[in-house]
PDB file of N, CA and C in Angstrom:
ATOM      1  N   MET A   1     244.169-119.144 -90.001  1.00  0.00           N
ATOM      2  CA  MET A   1     243.216-118.046 -90.004  1.00  0.00           C
ATOM      3  C   MET A   1     243.149-117.464 -88.599  1.00  0.00           C
ATOM      4  N   SER A   2     243.237-116.169 -88.495  1.00  0.00           N
ATOM      5  CA  SER A   2     243.148-115.532 -87.184  1.00  0.00           C
ATOM      6  C   SER A   2     241.700-115.432 -86.748  1.00  0.00           C
ATOM      7  N   GLN A   3     241.509-115.230 -85.435  1.00  0.00           N
ATOM      8  CA  GLN A   3     240.145-115.149 -84.927  1.00  0.00           C
ATOM      9  C   GLN A   3     239.381-113.965 -85.502  1.00  0.00           C
ATOM     10  N   LYS A   4     240.062-112.885 -85.806  1.00  0.00           N
ATOM     11  CA  LYS A   4     239.357-111.728 -86.367  1.00  0.00           C
ATOM     12  C   LYS A   4     238.782-112.040 -87.747  1.00  0.00           C
ATOM     13  N   ASP A   5     239.329-113.065 -88.431  1.00  0.00           N
ATOM     14  CA  ASP A   5     238.828-113.458 -89.748  1.00  0.00           C
ATOM     15  C   ASP A   5     237.780-114.561 -89.675  1.00  0.00           C
ATOM     16  N   ASP A   6     237.597-115.144 -88.484  1.00  0.00           N
ATOM     17  CA  ASP A   6     236.626-116.232 -88.345  1.00  0.00           C
ATOM     18  C   ASP A   6     235.206-115.715 -88.537  1.00  0.00           C
ATOM     19  N   ILE A   7     234.401-116.524 -89.175  1.00  0.00           N
ATOM     20  CA  ILE A   7     233.001-116.197 -89.409  1.00  0.00           C
ATOM     21  C   ILE A   7     232.174-117.014 -88.426  1.00  0.00           C
ATOM     22  N   PRO A   8     231.295-116.367 -87.653  1.00  0.00           N
ATOM     23  CA  PRO A   8     230.431-117.160 -86.768  1.00  0.00           C
ATOM     24  C   PRO A   8     229.573-118.111 -87.607  1.00  0.00           C
ATOM     25  N   VAL A   9     229.545-119.379 -87.217  1.00  0.00           N
ATOM     26  CA  VAL A   9     228.810-120.395 -87.961  1.00  0.00           C
ATOM     27  C   VAL A   9     227.819-121.075 -87.031  1.00  0.00           C
ATOM     28  N   PHE A  10     226.593-121.231 -87.494  1.00  0.00           N
ATOM     29  CA  PHE A  10     225.538-121.878 -86.741  1.00  0.00           C
ATOM     30  C   PHE A  10     225.061-123.073 -87.562  1.00  0.00           C
ATOM     31  N   PRO A  11     225.479-124.282 -87.203  1.00  0.00           N
ATOM     32  CA  PRO A  11     225.118-125.459 -88.000  1.00  0.00           C
ATOM     33  C   PRO A  11     223.608-125.646 -88.109  1.00  0.00           C
ATOM     34  N   VAL A  12     223.146-125.885 -89.321  1.00  0.00           N
ATOM     35  CA  VAL A  12     221.726-126.156 -89.575  1.00  0.00           C
ATOM     36  C   VAL A  12     221.462-127.628 -89.250  1.00  0.00           C
ATOM     37  N   THR A  13     220.391-127.878 -88.490  1.00  0.00           N
ATOM     38  CA  THR A  13     220.039-129.249 -88.126  1.00  0.00           C
ATOM     39  C   THR A  13     218.788-129.733 -88.845  1.00  0.00           C
ATOM     40  N   GLY A  14     218.081-128.828 -89.493  1.00  0.00           N
ATOM     41  CA  GLY A  14     216.875-129.194 -90.220  1.00  0.00           C
ATOM     42  C   GLY A  14     216.212-127.963 -90.794  1.00  0.00           C
ATOM     43  N   TRP A  15     215.127-128.178 -91.513  1.00  0.00           N
ATOM     44  CA  TRP A  15     214.378-127.067 -92.100  1.00  0.00           C
ATOM     45  C   TRP A  15     212.975-127.507 -92.462  1.00  0.00           C
ATOM     46  N   HIS A  16     212.141-126.509 -92.665  1.00  0.00           N
ATOM     47  CA  HIS A  16     210.785-126.694 -93.198  1.00  0.00           C
ATOM     48  C   HIS A  16     210.702-125.783 -94.409  1.00  0.00           C
ATOM     49  N   ALA A  17     210.154-126.285 -95.498  1.00  0.00           N
ATOM     50  CA  ALA A  17     210.011-125.475 -96.703  1.00  0.00           C
ATOM     51  C   ALA A  17     208.739-125.881 -97.416  1.00  0.00           C
ATOM     52  N   GLY A  18     208.155-124.926 -98.136  1.00  0.00           N
ATOM     53  CA  GLY A  18     206.961-125.223 -98.902  1.00  0.00           C
ATOM     54  C   GLY A  18     206.352-123.970 -99.476  1.00  0.00           C
ATOM     55  N   PRO A  19     205.233-124.138-100.176  1.00  0.00           N
ATOM     56  CA  PRO A  19     204.566-122.977-100.769  1.00  0.00           C
ATOM     57  C   PRO A  19     203.894-122.138 -99.693  1.00  0.00           C
ATOM     58  N   LEU A  20     203.788-120.848 -99.933  1.00  0.00           N
ATOM     59  CA  LEU A  20     203.065-119.931 -99.049  1.00  0.00           C
ATOM     60  C   LEU A  20     201.659-119.796 -99.616  1.00  0.00           C
ATOM     61  N   PRO A  21     200.677-120.401 -98.950  1.00  0.00           N
ATOM     62  CA  PRO A  21     199.305-120.391 -99.487  1.00  0.00           C
ATOM     63  C   PRO A  21     198.809-118.972 -99.798  1.00  0.00           C
ATOM     64  N   GLY A  22     198.238-118.821-100.993  1.00  0.00           N
ATOM     65  CA  GLY A  22     197.677-117.544-101.404  1.00  0.00           C
ATOM     66  C   GLY A  22     198.679-116.575-102.018  1.00  0.00           C
ATOM     67  N   TYR A  23     199.946-116.982-102.098  1.00  0.00           N
ATOM     68  CA  TYR A  23     200.990-116.109-102.645  1.00  0.00           C
ATOM     69  C   TYR A  23     201.821-116.891-103.653  1.00  0.00           C
ATOM     70  N   ASP A  24     202.433-116.182-104.562  1.00  0.00           N
ATOM     71  CA  ASP A  24     203.367-116.793-105.505  1.00  0.00           C
ATOM     72  C   ASP A  24     204.744-116.778-104.841  1.00  0.00           C
ATOM     73  N   ALA A  25     204.866-117.555-103.760  1.00  0.00           N
ATOM     74  CA  ALA A  25     206.099-117.540-102.978  1.00  0.00           C
ATOM     75  C   ALA A  25     206.275-118.876-102.257  1.00  0.00           C
ATOM     76  N   LEU A  26     207.508-119.126-101.882  1.00  0.00           N
ATOM     77  CA  LEU A  26     207.859-120.284-101.067  1.00  0.00           C
ATOM     78  C   LEU A  26     208.352-119.770 -99.724  1.00  0.00           C
ATOM     79  N   ILE A  27     208.214-120.601 -98.697  1.00  0.00           N
ATOM     80  CA  ILE A  27     208.744-120.225 -97.399  1.00  0.00           C
ATOM     81  C   ILE A  27     209.750-121.274 -96.948  1.00  0.00           C
ATOM     82  N   VAL A  28     210.708-120.823 -96.140  1.00  0.00           N
ATOM     83  CA  VAL A  28     211.702-121.721 -95.568  1.00  0.00           C
ATOM     84  C   VAL A  28     212.014-121.252 -94.155  1.00  0.00           C
ATOM     85  N   LYS A  29     212.190-122.208 -93.270  1.00  0.00           N
ATOM     86  CA  LYS A  29     212.514-121.952 -91.868  1.00  0.00           C
ATOM     87  C   LYS A  29     213.587-122.960 -91.489  1.00  0.00           C
ATOM     88  N   PHE A  30     214.638-122.513 -90.798  1.00  0.00           N
ATOM     89  CA  PHE A  30     215.741-123.385 -90.425  1.00  0.00           C
ATOM     90  C   PHE A  30     215.769-123.638 -88.926  1.00  0.00           C
ATOM     91  N   GLN A  31     216.199-124.853 -88.550  1.00  0.00           N
ATOM     92  CA  GLN A  31     216.566-125.149 -87.172  1.00  0.00           C
ATOM     93  C   GLN A  31     218.093-125.133 -87.152  1.00  0.00           C
ATOM     94  N   PHE A  32     218.672-124.583 -86.075  1.00  0.00           N
ATOM     95  CA  PHE A  32     220.120-124.445 -86.027  1.00  0.00           C
ATOM     96  C   PHE A  32     220.630-124.548 -84.596  1.00  0.00           C
ATOM     97  N   LEU A  33     221.919-124.801 -84.475  1.00  0.00           N
ATOM     98  CA  LEU A  33     222.586-124.844 -83.181  1.00  0.00           C
ATOM     99  C   LEU A  33     223.332-123.529 -82.977  1.00  0.00           C
ATOM    100  N   SER A  34     223.199-122.960 -81.793  1.00  0.00           N
ATOM    101  CA  SER A  34     223.888-121.698 -81.511  1.00  0.00           C
ATOM    102  C   SER A  34     225.132-121.899 -80.656  1.00  0.00           C
ATOM    103  N   SER A  35     225.375-123.146 -80.231  1.00  0.00           N
ATOM    104  CA  SER A  35     226.534-123.453 -79.402  1.00  0.00           C
ATOM    105  C   SER A  35     227.053-124.837 -79.778  1.00  0.00           C
ATOM    106  N   PRO A  36     228.372-125.022 -79.757  1.00  0.00           N
ATOM    107  CA  PRO A  36     228.917-126.340 -80.076  1.00  0.00           C
ATOM    108  C   PRO A  36     228.480-127.428 -79.095  1.00  0.00           C
ATOM    109  N   MET A  37     228.098-127.042 -77.912  1.00  0.00           N
ATOM    110  CA  MET A  37     227.699-128.009 -76.891  1.00  0.00           C
ATOM    111  C   MET A  37     226.189-128.241 -76.863  1.00  0.00           C
ATOM    112  N   GLN A  38     225.437-127.533 -77.676  1.00  0.00           N
ATOM    113  CA  GLN A  38     223.981-127.629 -77.670  1.00  0.00           C
ATOM    114  C   GLN A  38     223.513-128.941 -78.279  1.00  0.00           C
ATOM    115  N   PRO A  39     222.647-129.687 -77.586  1.00  0.00           N
ATOM    116  CA  PRO A  39     222.103-130.921 -78.169  1.00  0.00           C
ATOM    117  C   PRO A  39     221.200-130.605 -79.367  1.00  0.00           C
ATOM    118  N   ILE A  40     221.216-131.469 -80.355  1.00  0.00           N
ATOM    119  CA  ILE A  40     220.395-131.279 -81.556  1.00  0.00           C
ATOM    120  C   ILE A  40     218.921-131.146 -81.194  1.00  0.00           C
ATOM    121  N   GLU A  41     218.498-131.864 -80.160  1.00  0.00           N
ATOM    122  CA  GLU A  41     217.085-131.837 -79.761  1.00  0.00           C
ATOM    123  C   GLU A  41     216.627-130.453 -79.287  1.00  0.00           C
ATOM    124  N   THR A  42     217.561-129.581 -78.944  1.00  0.00           N
ATOM    125  CA  THR A  42     217.199-128.245 -78.453  1.00  0.00           C
ATOM    126  C   THR A  42     217.523-127.150 -79.470  1.00  0.00           C
ATOM    127  N   ALA A  43     217.617-127.538 -80.737  1.00  0.00           N
ATOM    128  CA  ALA A  43     217.936-126.567 -81.792  1.00  0.00           C
ATOM    129  C   ALA A  43     216.934-125.417 -81.789  1.00  0.00           C
ATOM    130  N   GLN A  44     217.438-124.246 -82.116  1.00  0.00           N
ATOM    131  CA  GLN A  44     216.584-123.068 -82.227  1.00  0.00           C
ATOM    132  C   GLN A  44     216.031-122.974 -83.645  1.00  0.00           C
ATOM    133  N   GLU A  45     215.005-122.133 -83.819  1.00  0.00           N
ATOM    134  CA  GLU A  45     214.396-121.962 -85.140  1.00  0.00           C
ATOM    135  C   GLU A  45     214.415-120.503 -85.561  1.00  0.00           C
ATOM    136  N   THR A  46     214.581-120.294 -86.853  1.00  0.00           N
ATOM    137  CA  THR A  46     214.476-118.953 -87.419  1.00  0.00           C
ATOM    138  C   THR A  46     213.004-118.629 -87.645  1.00  0.00           C
ATOM    139  N   GLN A  47     212.759-117.433 -88.090  1.00  0.00           N
ATOM    140  CA  GLN A  47     211.440-117.055 -88.585  1.00  0.00           C
ATOM    141  C   GLN A  47     211.263-117.716 -89.951  1.00  0.00           C
ATOM    142  N   PHE A  48     210.043-117.682 -90.483  1.00  0.00           N
ATOM    143  CA  PHE A  48     209.847-118.132 -91.862  1.00  0.00           C
ATOM    144  C   PHE A  48     210.348-117.038 -92.801  1.00  0.00           C
ATOM    145  N   PHE A  49     211.085-117.445 -93.819  1.00  0.00           N
ATOM    146  CA  PHE A  49     211.567-116.520 -94.838  1.00  0.00           C
ATOM    147  C   PHE A  49     210.814-116.816 -96.129  1.00  0.00           C
ATOM    148  N   ALA A  50     210.364-115.767 -96.832  1.00  0.00           N
ATOM    149  CA  ALA A  50     209.627-115.926 -98.085  1.00  0.00           C
ATOM    150  C   ALA A  50     210.556-115.656 -99.263  1.00  0.00           C
ATOM    151  N   LEU A  51     210.433-116.502-100.276  1.00  0.00           N
ATOM    152  CA  LEU A  51     211.212-116.374-101.506  1.00  0.00           C
ATOM    153  C   LEU A  51     210.278-116.455-102.697  1.00  0.00           C
ATOM    154  N   THR A  52     210.529-115.632-103.700  1.00  0.00           N
ATOM    155  CA  THR A  52     209.797-115.795-104.949  1.00  0.00           C
ATOM    156  C   THR A  52     210.299-117.085-105.609  1.00  0.00           C
ATOM    157  N   PRO A  53     209.532-117.653-106.530  1.00  0.00           N
ATOM    158  CA  PRO A  53     210.028-118.848-107.229  1.00  0.00           C
ATOM    159  C   PRO A  53     211.383-118.607-107.911  1.00  0.00           C
ATOM    160  N   GLU A  54     211.572-117.422-108.456  1.00  0.00           N
ATOM    161  CA  GLU A  54     212.836-117.097-109.125  1.00  0.00           C
ATOM    162  C   GLU A  54     213.994-117.056-108.121  1.00  0.00           C
ATOM    163  N   MET A  55     213.738-116.489-106.952  1.00  0.00           N
ATOM    164  CA  MET A  55     214.770-116.453-105.914  1.00  0.00           C
ATOM    165  C   MET A  55     215.109-117.866-105.444  1.00  0.00           C
ATOM    166  N   ALA A  56     214.099-118.709-105.281  1.00  0.00           N
ATOM    167  CA  ALA A  56     214.325-120.093-104.854  1.00  0.00           C
ATOM    168  C   ALA A  56     215.150-120.842-105.903  1.00  0.00           C
ATOM    169  N   GLU A  57     214.832-120.650-107.174  1.00  0.00           N
ATOM    170  CA  GLU A  57     215.602-121.293-108.237  1.00  0.00           C
ATOM    171  C   GLU A  57     217.052-120.825-108.228  1.00  0.00           C
ATOM    172  N   SER A  58     217.263-119.541-108.001  1.00  0.00           N
ATOM    173  CA  SER A  58     218.611-118.992-107.931  1.00  0.00           C
ATOM    174  C   SER A  58     219.368-119.565-106.733  1.00  0.00           C
ATOM    175  N   LEU A  59     218.685-119.689-105.605  1.00  0.00           N
ATOM    176  CA  LEU A  59     219.305-120.279-104.415  1.00  0.00           C
ATOM    177  C   LEU A  59     219.701-121.726-104.685  1.00  0.00           C
ATOM    178  N   VAL A  60     218.808-122.498-105.286  1.00  0.00           N
ATOM    179  CA  VAL A  60     219.113-123.895-105.610  1.00  0.00           C
ATOM    180  C   VAL A  60     220.328-123.958-106.530  1.00  0.00           C
ATOM    181  N   SER A  61     220.371-123.102-107.528  1.00  0.00           N
ATOM    182  CA  SER A  61     221.491-123.078-108.467  1.00  0.00           C
ATOM    183  C   SER A  61     222.794-122.732-107.748  1.00  0.00           C
ATOM    184  N   ASP A  62     222.757-121.722-106.899  1.00  0.00           N
ATOM    185  CA  ASP A  62     223.951-121.338-106.142  1.00  0.00           C
ATOM    186  C   ASP A  62     224.426-122.479-105.252  1.00  0.00           C
ATOM    187  N   LEU A  63     223.498-123.129-104.562  1.00  0.00           N
ATOM    188  CA  LEU A  63     223.865-124.237-103.683  1.00  0.00           C
ATOM    189  C   LEU A  63     224.491-125.379-104.487  1.00  0.00           C
ATOM    190  N   GLN A  64     223.902-125.705-105.629  1.00  0.00           N
ATOM    191  CA  GLN A  64     224.452-126.777-106.460  1.00  0.00           C
ATOM    192  C   GLN A  64     225.858-126.431-106.944  1.00  0.00           C
ATOM    193  N   ARG A  65     226.050-125.187-107.330  1.00  0.00           N
ATOM    194  CA  ARG A  65     227.375-124.748-107.796  1.00  0.00           C
ATOM    195  C   ARG A  65     228.405-124.860-106.677  1.00  0.00           C
ATOM    196  N   HIS A  66     228.027-124.436-105.465  1.00  0.00           N
ATOM    197  CA  HIS A  66     228.960-124.488-104.338  1.00  0.00           C
ATOM    198  C   HIS A  66     229.209-125.922-103.869  1.00  0.00           C
ATOM    199  N   ILE A  67     228.208-126.781-103.948  1.00  0.00           N
ATOM    200  CA  ILE A  67     228.396-128.191-103.615  1.00  0.00           C
ATOM    201  C   ILE A  67     229.413-128.807-104.566  1.00  0.00           C
ATOM    202  N   GLU A  68     229.256-128.546-105.844  1.00  0.00           N
ATOM    203  CA  GLU A  68     230.190-129.074-106.837  1.00  0.00           C
ATOM    204  C   GLU A  68     231.607-128.571-106.577  1.00  0.00           C
ATOM    205  N   SER A  69     231.734-127.297-106.232  1.00  0.00           N
ATOM    206  CA  SER A  69     233.041-126.721-105.926  1.00  0.00           C
ATOM    207  C   SER A  69     233.673-127.403-104.709  1.00  0.00           C
ATOM    208  N   LEU A  70     232.874-127.651-103.675  1.00  0.00           N
ATOM    209  CA  LEU A  70     233.388-128.347-102.489  1.00  0.00           C
ATOM    210  C   LEU A  70     233.831-129.761-102.831  1.00  0.00           C
ATOM    211  N   ARG A  71     233.045-130.465-103.619  1.00  0.00           N
ATOM    212  CA  ARG A  71     233.388-131.839-104.003  1.00  0.00           C
ATOM    213  C   ARG A  71     234.695-131.884-104.793  1.00  0.00           C
ATOM    214  N   LYS A  72     234.889-130.912-105.659  1.00  0.00           N
ATOM    215  CA  LYS A  72     236.113-130.867-106.453  1.00  0.00           C
ATOM    216  C   LYS A  72     237.325-130.512-105.607  1.00  0.00           C
ATOM    217  N   SER A  73     237.114-129.743-104.529  1.00  0.00           N
ATOM    218  CA  SER A  73     238.237-129.298-103.699  1.00  0.00           C
ATOM    219  C   SER A  73     238.787-130.417-102.829  1.00  0.00           C
ATOM    220  N   GLY A  74     237.980-131.435-102.546  1.00  0.00           N
ATOM    221  CA  GLY A  74     238.422-132.530-101.697  1.00  0.00           C
ATOM    222  C   GLY A  74     238.424-132.188-100.217  1.00  0.00           C
ATOM    223  N   VAL A  75     237.928-131.012 -99.829  1.00  0.00           N
ATOM    224  CA  VAL A  75     237.866-130.614 -98.421  1.00  0.00           C
ATOM    225  C   VAL A  75     236.683-131.306 -97.771  1.00  0.00           C
ATOM    226  N   HIS A  76     236.900-131.857 -96.568  1.00  0.00           N
ATOM    227  CA  HIS A  76     235.841-132.546 -95.836  1.00  0.00           C
ATOM    228  C   HIS A  76     235.644-131.891 -94.488  1.00  0.00           C
ATOM    229  N   SER A  77     234.409-131.838 -94.048  1.00  0.00           N
ATOM    230  CA  SER A  77     234.070-131.287 -92.748  1.00  0.00           C
ATOM    231  C   SER A  77     234.553-132.225 -91.656  1.00  0.00           C
ATOM    232  N   PRO A  78     235.077-131.683 -90.524  1.00  0.00           N
ATOM    233  CA  PRO A  78     235.462-132.562 -89.414  1.00  0.00           C
ATOM    234  C   PRO A  78     234.251-133.255 -88.791  1.00  0.00           C
ATOM    235  N   GLN A  79     233.057-132.718 -88.984  1.00  0.00           N
ATOM    236  CA  GLN A  79     231.834-133.298 -88.441  1.00  0.00           C
ATOM    237  C   GLN A  79     231.190-134.298 -89.397  1.00  0.00           C
ATOM    238  N   GLU A  80     231.735-134.437 -90.579  1.00  0.00           N
ATOM    239  CA  GLU A  80     231.112-135.216 -91.641  1.00  0.00           C
ATOM    240  C   GLU A  80     230.769-136.648 -91.226  1.00  0.00           C
ATOM    241  N   ASP A  81     231.638-137.298 -90.477  1.00  0.00           N
ATOM    242  CA  ASP A  81     231.420-138.691 -90.112  1.00  0.00           C
ATOM    243  C   ASP A  81     230.424-138.869 -88.977  1.00  0.00           C
ATOM    244  N   LYS A  82     230.021-137.792 -88.307  1.00  0.00           N
ATOM    245  CA  LYS A  82     229.123-137.895 -87.166  1.00  0.00           C
ATOM    246  C   LYS A  82     227.665-138.046 -87.576  1.00  0.00           C
ATOM    247  N   HIS A  83     227.281-137.600 -88.792  1.00  0.00           N
ATOM    248  CA  HIS A  83     225.874-137.591 -89.165  1.00  0.00           C
ATOM    249  C   HIS A  83     225.583-138.548 -90.277  1.00  0.00           C
TER     250      HIS A  83
END
């Protein structure tokens, strides 16, 4: 893959998720690394993102589908053994 085709990737190190009080919505916030040399302890955080219950269910379904696809492909992350 050439560099022009590379997608910038920011590894997720954690998240917070839960209901948004007073609304029919869920919120999610991610911690992530912006540099390969950045220590996990200094991870940055996104803003809180709001999702309707239907959007959250769709996201869960999409993630499950993609996880299954990855498992079937036999591809493993080079970082997999570190965590």
